[in-house]
Amino acid sequence: MKKIIFLTLTLNLLLSDVLFAQDRTPDFMRSVGKMYVVVAVIVAVFLGIVLFLTYLDKRLTRLENQIHDNDQKQ
């Protein structure tokens, strides 16, 4: 029970800070140039996911072809 109360209070404090900072955060991020860093990180993560899925698809296709070839030989 103490853990739930502690977690609720902690989340409340974190969310209240986020809600109060919303009106000035975008202008601050743009003025300092950090907005571009955030966009670059998001793009890098997205490209990493796309490259990983492409690699995984090629590997699975190769395995499927091997299974199909083995089935035809038998």
PDB file of N, CA and C in Angstrom:
ATOM      1  N   MET A   1       0.818  -1.185   0.000  1.00  0.00           N
ATOM      2  CA  MET A   1       0.000   0.000   0.000  1.00  0.00           C
ATOM      3  C   MET A   1       0.871   1.261   0.000  1.00  0.00           C
ATOM      4  N   LYS A   2       1.963   1.208   0.771  1.00  0.00           N
ATOM      5  CA  LYS A   2       2.866   2.356   0.814  1.00  0.00           C
ATOM      6  C   LYS A   2       3.515   2.597  -0.545  1.00  0.00           C
ATOM      7  N   LYS A   3       3.797   1.510  -1.260  1.00  0.00           N
ATOM      8  CA  LYS A   3       4.415   1.655  -2.581  1.00  0.00           C
ATOM      9  C   LYS A   3       3.458   2.335  -3.550  1.00  0.00           C
ATOM     10  N   ILE A   4       2.190   1.986  -3.475  1.00  0.00           N
ATOM     11  CA  ILE A   4       1.199   2.578  -4.376  1.00  0.00           C
ATOM     12  C   ILE A   4       1.051   4.068  -4.086  1.00  0.00           C
ATOM     13  N   ILE A   5       0.995   4.429  -2.814  1.00  0.00           N
ATOM     14  CA  ILE A   5       0.876   5.838  -2.447  1.00  0.00           C
ATOM     15  C   ILE A   5       2.116   6.603  -2.891  1.00  0.00           C
ATOM     16  N   PHE A   6       3.294   6.022  -2.662  1.00  0.00           N
ATOM     17  CA  PHE A   6       4.535   6.674  -3.077  1.00  0.00           C
ATOM     18  C   PHE A   6       4.583   6.852  -4.585  1.00  0.00           C
ATOM     19  N   LEU A   7       4.196   5.823  -5.315  1.00  0.00           N
ATOM     20  CA  LEU A   7       4.203   5.896  -6.775  1.00  0.00           C
ATOM     21  C   LEU A   7       3.214   6.941  -7.270  1.00  0.00           C
ATOM     22  N   THR A   8       2.039   6.995  -6.663  1.00  0.00           N
ATOM     23  CA  THR A   8       1.033   7.975  -7.067  1.00  0.00           C
ATOM     24  C   THR A   8       1.522   9.394  -6.812  1.00  0.00           C
ATOM     25  N   LEU A   9       2.115   9.634  -5.652  1.00  0.00           N
ATOM     26  CA  LEU A   9       2.623  10.970  -5.352  1.00  0.00           C
ATOM     27  C   LEU A   9       3.782  11.355  -6.267  1.00  0.00           C
ATOM     28  N   THR A  10       4.646  10.407  -6.557  1.00  0.00           N
ATOM     29  CA  THR A  10       5.777  10.681  -7.446  1.00  0.00           C
ATOM     30  C   THR A  10       5.300  11.016  -8.856  1.00  0.00           C
ATOM     31  N   LEU A  11       4.369  10.230  -9.368  1.00  0.00           N
ATOM     32  CA  LEU A  11       3.839  10.510 -10.703  1.00  0.00           C
ATOM     33  C   LEU A  11       3.106  11.837 -10.731  1.00  0.00           C
ATOM     34  N   ASN A  12       2.396  12.156  -9.665  1.00  0.00           N
ATOM     35  CA  ASN A  12       1.689  13.423  -9.593  1.00  0.00           C
ATOM     36  C   ASN A  12       2.662  14.587  -9.656  1.00  0.00           C
ATOM     37  N   LEU A  13       3.763  14.498  -8.922  1.00  0.00           N
ATOM     38  CA  LEU A  13       4.758  15.565  -8.950  1.00  0.00           C
ATOM     39  C   LEU A  13       5.406  15.698 -10.324  1.00  0.00           C
ATOM     40  N   LEU A  14       5.710  14.573 -10.945  1.00  0.00           N
ATOM     41  CA  LEU A  14       6.329  14.608 -12.271  1.00  0.00           C
ATOM     42  C   LEU A  14       5.378  15.193 -13.306  1.00  0.00           C
ATOM     43  N   LEU A  15       4.137  14.768 -13.270  1.00  0.00           N
ATOM     44  CA  LEU A  15       3.168  15.253 -14.248  1.00  0.00           C
ATOM     45  C   LEU A  15       2.837  16.719 -14.025  1.00  0.00           C
ATOM     46  N   SER A  16       2.794  17.171 -12.781  1.00  0.00           N
ATOM     47  CA  SER A  16       2.490  18.581 -12.531  1.00  0.00           C
ATOM     48  C   SER A  16       3.604  19.468 -13.080  1.00  0.00           C
ATOM     49  N   ASP A  17       4.854  19.045 -12.971  1.00  0.00           N
ATOM     50  CA  ASP A  17       5.951  19.817 -13.543  1.00  0.00           C
ATOM     51  C   ASP A  17       5.846  19.886 -15.057  1.00  0.00           C
ATOM     52  N   VAL A  18       5.478  18.788 -15.655  1.00  0.00           N
ATOM     53  CA  VAL A  18       5.335  18.759 -17.115  1.00  0.00           C
ATOM     54  C   VAL A  18       4.199  19.665 -17.553  1.00  0.00           C
ATOM     55  N   LEU A  19       3.093  19.625 -16.846  1.00  0.00           N
ATOM     56  CA  LEU A  19       1.948  20.436 -17.229  1.00  0.00           C
ATOM     57  C   LEU A  19       2.219  21.931 -17.067  1.00  0.00           C
ATOM     58  N   PHE A  20       2.952  22.324 -16.039  1.00  0.00           N
ATOM     59  CA  PHE A  20       3.249  23.735 -15.849  1.00  0.00           C
ATOM     60  C   PHE A  20       4.300  24.230 -16.832  1.00  0.00           C
ATOM     61  N   ALA A  21       5.142  23.377 -17.326  1.00  0.00           N
ATOM     62  CA  ALA A  21       6.228  23.785 -18.216  1.00  0.00           C
ATOM     63  C   ALA A  21       5.821  23.769 -19.675  1.00  0.00           C
ATOM     64  N   GLN A  22       4.613  23.386 -20.002  1.00  0.00           N
ATOM     65  CA  GLN A  22       4.227  23.244 -21.396  1.00  0.00           C
ATOM     66  C   GLN A  22       4.171  24.566 -22.140  1.00  0.00           C
ATOM     67  N   ASP A  23       3.823  25.657 -21.470  1.00  0.00           N
ATOM     68  CA  ASP A  23       3.645  26.912 -22.190  1.00  0.00           C
ATOM     69  C   ASP A  23       4.966  27.513 -22.664  1.00  0.00           C
ATOM     70  N   ARG A  24       6.093  27.206 -22.042  1.00  0.00           N
ATOM     71  CA  ARG A  24       7.356  27.825 -22.458  1.00  0.00           C
ATOM     72  C   ARG A  24       8.347  26.837 -23.058  1.00  0.00           C
ATOM     73  N   THR A  25       8.098  25.551 -22.992  1.00  0.00           N
ATOM     74  CA  THR A  25       9.053  24.552 -23.451  1.00  0.00           C
ATOM     75  C   THR A  25       9.325  24.608 -24.953  1.00  0.00           C
ATOM     76  N   PRO A  26       8.298  24.668 -25.821  1.00  0.00           N
ATOM     77  CA  PRO A  26       8.619  24.662 -27.264  1.00  0.00           C
ATOM     78  C   PRO A  26       9.455  25.862 -27.702  1.00  0.00           C
ATOM     79  N   ASP A  27       9.161  27.050 -27.190  1.00  0.00           N
ATOM     80  CA  ASP A  27       9.951  28.217 -27.567  1.00  0.00           C
ATOM     81  C   ASP A  27      11.375  28.101 -27.044  1.00  0.00           C
ATOM     82  N   PHE A  28      11.521  27.600 -25.844  1.00  0.00           N
ATOM     83  CA  PHE A  28      12.861  27.424 -25.279  1.00  0.00           C
ATOM     84  C   PHE A  28      13.652  26.409 -26.083  1.00  0.00           C
ATOM     85  N   MET A  29      13.002  25.298 -26.449  1.00  0.00           N
ATOM     86  CA  MET A  29      13.701  24.258 -27.208  1.00  0.00           C
ATOM     87  C   MET A  29      14.130  24.791 -28.568  1.00  0.00           C
ATOM     88  N   ARG A  30      13.279  25.573 -29.224  1.00  0.00           N
ATOM     89  CA  ARG A  30      13.637  26.104 -30.530  1.00  0.00           C
ATOM     90  C   ARG A  30      14.734  27.154 -30.419  1.00  0.00           C
ATOM     91  N   SER A  31      14.668  27.983 -29.412  1.00  0.00           N
ATOM     92  CA  SER A  31      15.649  29.061 -29.298  1.00  0.00           C
ATOM     93  C   SER A  31      17.047  28.528 -28.990  1.00  0.00           C
ATOM     94  N   VAL A  32      17.120  27.460 -28.233  1.00  0.00           N
ATOM     95  CA  VAL A  32      18.415  26.895 -27.882  1.00  0.00           C
ATOM     96  C   VAL A  32      18.918  25.955 -28.981  1.00  0.00           C
ATOM     97  N   GLY A  33      18.032  25.456 -29.831  1.00  0.00           N
ATOM     98  CA  GLY A  33      18.414  24.552 -30.901  1.00  0.00           C
ATOM     99  C   GLY A  33      18.290  23.097 -30.520  1.00  0.00           C
ATOM    100  N   LYS A  34      17.727  22.822 -29.363  1.00  0.00           N
ATOM    101  CA  LYS A  34      17.582  21.440 -28.928  1.00  0.00           C
ATOM    102  C   LYS A  34      16.459  20.722 -29.659  1.00  0.00           C
ATOM    103  N   MET A  35      15.564  21.487 -30.241  1.00  0.00           N
ATOM    104  CA  MET A  35      14.460  20.867 -30.975  1.00  0.00           C
ATOM    105  C   MET A  35      15.010  20.031 -32.124  1.00  0.00           C
ATOM    106  N   TYR A  36      16.055  20.516 -32.763  1.00  0.00           N
ATOM    107  CA  TYR A  36      16.657  19.785 -33.865  1.00  0.00           C
ATOM    108  C   TYR A  36      17.329  18.496 -33.380  1.00  0.00           C
ATOM    109  N   VAL A  37      17.855  18.534 -32.186  1.00  0.00           N
ATOM    110  CA  VAL A  37      18.462  17.335 -31.603  1.00  0.00           C
ATOM    111  C   VAL A  37      17.389  16.291 -31.340  1.00  0.00           C
ATOM    112  N   VAL A  38      16.249  16.722 -30.825  1.00  0.00           N
ATOM    113  CA  VAL A  38      15.143  15.805 -30.562  1.00  0.00           C
ATOM    114  C   VAL A  38      14.659  15.181 -31.863  1.00  0.00           C
ATOM    115  N   VAL A  39      14.492  16.002 -32.892  1.00  0.00           N
ATOM    116  CA  VAL A  39      14.042  15.489 -34.192  1.00  0.00           C
ATOM    117  C   VAL A  39      15.075  14.528 -34.760  1.00  0.00           C
ATOM    118  N   ALA A  40      16.347  14.839 -34.625  1.00  0.00           N
ATOM    119  CA  ALA A  40      17.404  13.961 -35.140  1.00  0.00           C
ATOM    120  C   ALA A  40      17.405  12.622 -34.416  1.00  0.00           C
ATOM    121  N   VAL A  41      17.182  12.629 -33.119  1.00  0.00           N
ATOM    122  CA  VAL A  41      17.140  11.371 -32.361  1.00  0.00           C
ATOM    123  C   VAL A  41      15.941  10.540 -32.788  1.00  0.00           C
ATOM    124  N   ILE A  42      14.791  11.175 -32.964  1.00  0.00           N
ATOM    125  CA  ILE A  42      13.593  10.446 -33.401  1.00  0.00           C
ATOM    126  C   ILE A  42      13.812   9.835 -34.779  1.00  0.00           C
ATOM    127  N   VAL A  43      14.410  10.590 -35.686  1.00  0.00           N
ATOM    128  CA  VAL A  43      14.684  10.077 -37.033  1.00  0.00           C
ATOM    129  C   VAL A  43      15.678   8.922 -36.971  1.00  0.00           C
ATOM    130  N   ALA A  44      16.698   9.038 -36.128  1.00  0.00           N
ATOM    131  CA  ALA A  44      17.694   7.972 -36.016  1.00  0.00           C
ATOM    132  C   ALA A  44      17.061   6.692 -35.469  1.00  0.00           C
ATOM    133  N   VAL A  45      16.205   6.819 -34.477  1.00  0.00           N
ATOM    134  CA  VAL A  45      15.529   5.640 -33.920  1.00  0.00           C
ATOM    135  C   VAL A  45      14.618   5.011 -34.967  1.00  0.00           C
ATOM    136  N   PHE A  46      13.878   5.838 -35.697  1.00  0.00           N
ATOM    137  CA  PHE A  46      12.988   5.325 -36.740  1.00  0.00           C
ATOM    138  C   PHE A  46      13.785   4.602 -37.820  1.00  0.00           C
ATOM    139  N   LEU A  47      14.880   5.189 -38.260  1.00  0.00           N
ATOM    140  CA  LEU A  47      15.703   4.534 -39.282  1.00  0.00           C
ATOM    141  C   LEU A  47      16.296   3.226 -38.762  1.00  0.00           C
ATOM    142  N   GLY A  48      16.694   3.200 -37.502  1.00  0.00           N
ATOM    143  CA  GLY A  48      17.206   1.966 -36.914  1.00  0.00           C
ATOM    144  C   GLY A  48      16.158   0.868 -36.909  1.00  0.00           C
ATOM    145  N   ILE A  49      14.934   1.222 -36.567  1.00  0.00           N
ATOM    146  CA  ILE A  49      13.856   0.233 -36.565  1.00  0.00           C
ATOM    147  C   ILE A  49      13.590  -0.262 -37.980  1.00  0.00           C
ATOM    148  N   VAL A  50      13.553   0.646 -38.948  1.00  0.00           N
ATOM    149  CA  VAL A  50      13.301   0.249 -40.338  1.00  0.00           C
ATOM    150  C   VAL A  50      14.417  -0.662 -40.844  1.00  0.00           C
ATOM    151  N   LEU A  51      15.662  -0.315 -40.563  1.00  0.00           N
ATOM    152  CA  LEU A  51      16.772  -1.154 -41.014  1.00  0.00           C
ATOM    153  C   LEU A  51      16.735  -2.532 -40.353  1.00  0.00           C
ATOM    154  N   PHE A  52      16.414  -2.582 -39.072  1.00  0.00           N
ATOM    155  CA  PHE A  52      16.330  -3.861 -38.377  1.00  0.00           C
ATOM    156  C   PHE A  52      15.209  -4.722 -38.959  1.00  0.00           C
ATOM    157  N   LEU A  53      14.062  -4.115 -39.233  1.00  0.00           N
ATOM    158  CA  LEU A  53      12.947  -4.888 -39.800  1.00  0.00           C
ATOM    159  C   LEU A  53      13.261  -5.375 -41.209  1.00  0.00           C
ATOM    160  N   THR A  54      13.978  -4.572 -41.979  1.00  0.00           N
ATOM    161  CA  THR A  54      14.383  -5.001 -43.320  1.00  0.00           C
ATOM    162  C   THR A  54      15.340  -6.184 -43.231  1.00  0.00           C
ATOM    163  N   TYR A  55      16.317  -6.095 -42.336  1.00  0.00           N
ATOM    164  CA  TYR A  55      17.263  -7.195 -42.129  1.00  0.00           C
ATOM    165  C   TYR A  55      16.534  -8.457 -41.688  1.00  0.00           C
ATOM    166  N   LEU A  56      15.596  -8.307 -40.764  1.00  0.00           N
ATOM    167  CA  LEU A  56      14.847  -9.442 -40.258  1.00  0.00           C
ATOM    168  C   LEU A  56      13.984 -10.069 -41.349  1.00  0.00           C
ATOM    169  N   ASP A  57      13.402  -9.237 -42.200  1.00  0.00           N
ATOM    170  CA  ASP A  57      12.578  -9.752 -43.292  1.00  0.00           C
ATOM    171  C   ASP A  57      13.417 -10.554 -44.283  1.00  0.00           C
ATOM    172  N   LYS A  58      14.587 -10.053 -44.628  1.00  0.00           N
ATOM    173  CA  LYS A  58      15.463 -10.785 -45.548  1.00  0.00           C
ATOM    174  C   LYS A  58      15.892 -12.122 -44.957  1.00  0.00           C
ATOM    175  N   ARG A  59      16.204 -12.105 -43.682  1.00  0.00           N
ATOM    176  CA  ARG A  59      16.642 -13.341 -43.016  1.00  0.00           C
ATOM    177  C   ARG A  59      15.511 -14.369 -42.960  1.00  0.00           C
ATOM    178  N   LEU A  60      14.310 -13.904 -42.627  1.00  0.00           N
ATOM    179  CA  LEU A  60      13.164 -14.816 -42.586  1.00  0.00           C
ATOM    180  C   LEU A  60      12.818 -15.355 -43.964  1.00  0.00           C
ATOM    181  N   THR A  61      12.928 -14.517 -44.983  1.00  0.00           N
ATOM    182  CA  THR A  61      12.663 -14.975 -46.346  1.00  0.00           C
ATOM    183  C   THR A  61      13.658 -16.060 -46.745  1.00  0.00           C
ATOM    184  N   ARG A  62      14.909 -15.868 -46.396  1.00  0.00           N
ATOM    185  CA  ARG A  62      15.927 -16.876 -46.707  1.00  0.00           C
ATOM    186  C   ARG A  62      15.634 -18.190 -45.986  1.00  0.00           C
ATOM    187  N   LEU A  63      15.230 -18.122 -44.723  1.00  0.00           N
ATOM    188  CA  LEU A  63      14.889 -19.338 -43.981  1.00  0.00           C
ATOM    189  C   LEU A  63      13.653 -20.027 -44.555  1.00  0.00           C
ATOM    190  N   GLU A  64      12.666 -19.230 -44.948  1.00  0.00           N
ATOM    191  CA  GLU A  64      11.463 -19.809 -45.553  1.00  0.00           C
ATOM    192  C   GLU A  64      11.809 -20.519 -46.860  1.00  0.00           C
ATOM    193  N   ASN A  65      12.706 -19.918 -47.643  1.00  0.00           N
ATOM    194  CA  ASN A  65      13.116 -20.549 -48.900  1.00  0.00           C
ATOM    195  C   ASN A  65      13.863 -21.857 -48.643  1.00  0.00           C
ATOM    196  N   GLN A  66      14.700 -21.881 -47.602  1.00  0.00           N
ATOM    197  CA  GLN A  66      15.412 -23.114 -47.258  1.00  0.00           C
ATOM    198  C   GLN A  66      14.437 -24.203 -46.830  1.00  0.00           C
ATOM    199  N   ILE A  67      13.445 -23.846 -46.051  1.00  0.00           N
ATOM    200  CA  ILE A  67      12.445 -24.831 -45.623  1.00  0.00           C
ATOM    201  C   ILE A  67      11.660 -25.329 -46.822  1.00  0.00           C
ATOM    202  N   HIS A  68      11.297 -24.427 -47.715  1.00  0.00           N
ATOM    203  CA  HIS A  68      10.542 -24.813 -48.912  1.00  0.00           C
ATOM    204  C   HIS A  68      11.380 -25.734 -49.804  1.00  0.00           C
ATOM    205  N   ASP A  69      12.668 -25.438 -49.959  1.00  0.00           N
ATOM    206  CA  ASP A  69      13.551 -26.291 -50.775  1.00  0.00           C
ATOM    207  C   ASP A  69      13.705 -27.672 -50.158  1.00  0.00           C
ATOM    208  N   ASN A  70      13.840 -27.747 -48.822  1.00  0.00           N
ATOM    209  CA  ASN A  70      13.970 -29.021 -48.144  1.00  0.00           C
ATOM    210  C   ASN A  70      12.694 -29.862 -48.279  1.00  0.00           C
ATOM    211  N   ASP A  71      11.551 -29.197 -48.245  1.00  0.00           N
ATOM    212  CA  ASP A  71      10.279 -29.915 -48.405  1.00  0.00           C
ATOM    213  C   ASP A  71      10.135 -30.493 -49.812  1.00  0.00           C
ATOM    214  N   GLN A  72      10.624 -29.760 -50.811  1.00  0.00           N
ATOM    215  CA  GLN A  72      10.527 -30.236 -52.184  1.00  0.00           C
ATOM    216  C   GLN A  72      11.465 -31.399 -52.444  1.00  0.00           C
ATOM    217  N   LYS A  73      12.628 -31.422 -51.799  1.00  0.00           N
ATOM    218  CA  LYS A  73      13.577 -32.501 -51.996  1.00  0.00           C
ATOM    219  C   LYS A  73      13.077 -33.804 -51.392  1.00  0.00           C
ATOM    220  N   GLN A  74      12.300 -33.721 -50.356  1.00  0.00           N
ATOM    221  CA  GLN A  74      11.838 -34.939 -49.684  1.00  0.00           C
ATOM    222  C   GLN A  74      10.605 -35.419 -50.303  1.00  0.00           C
TER     223      GLN A  74
END
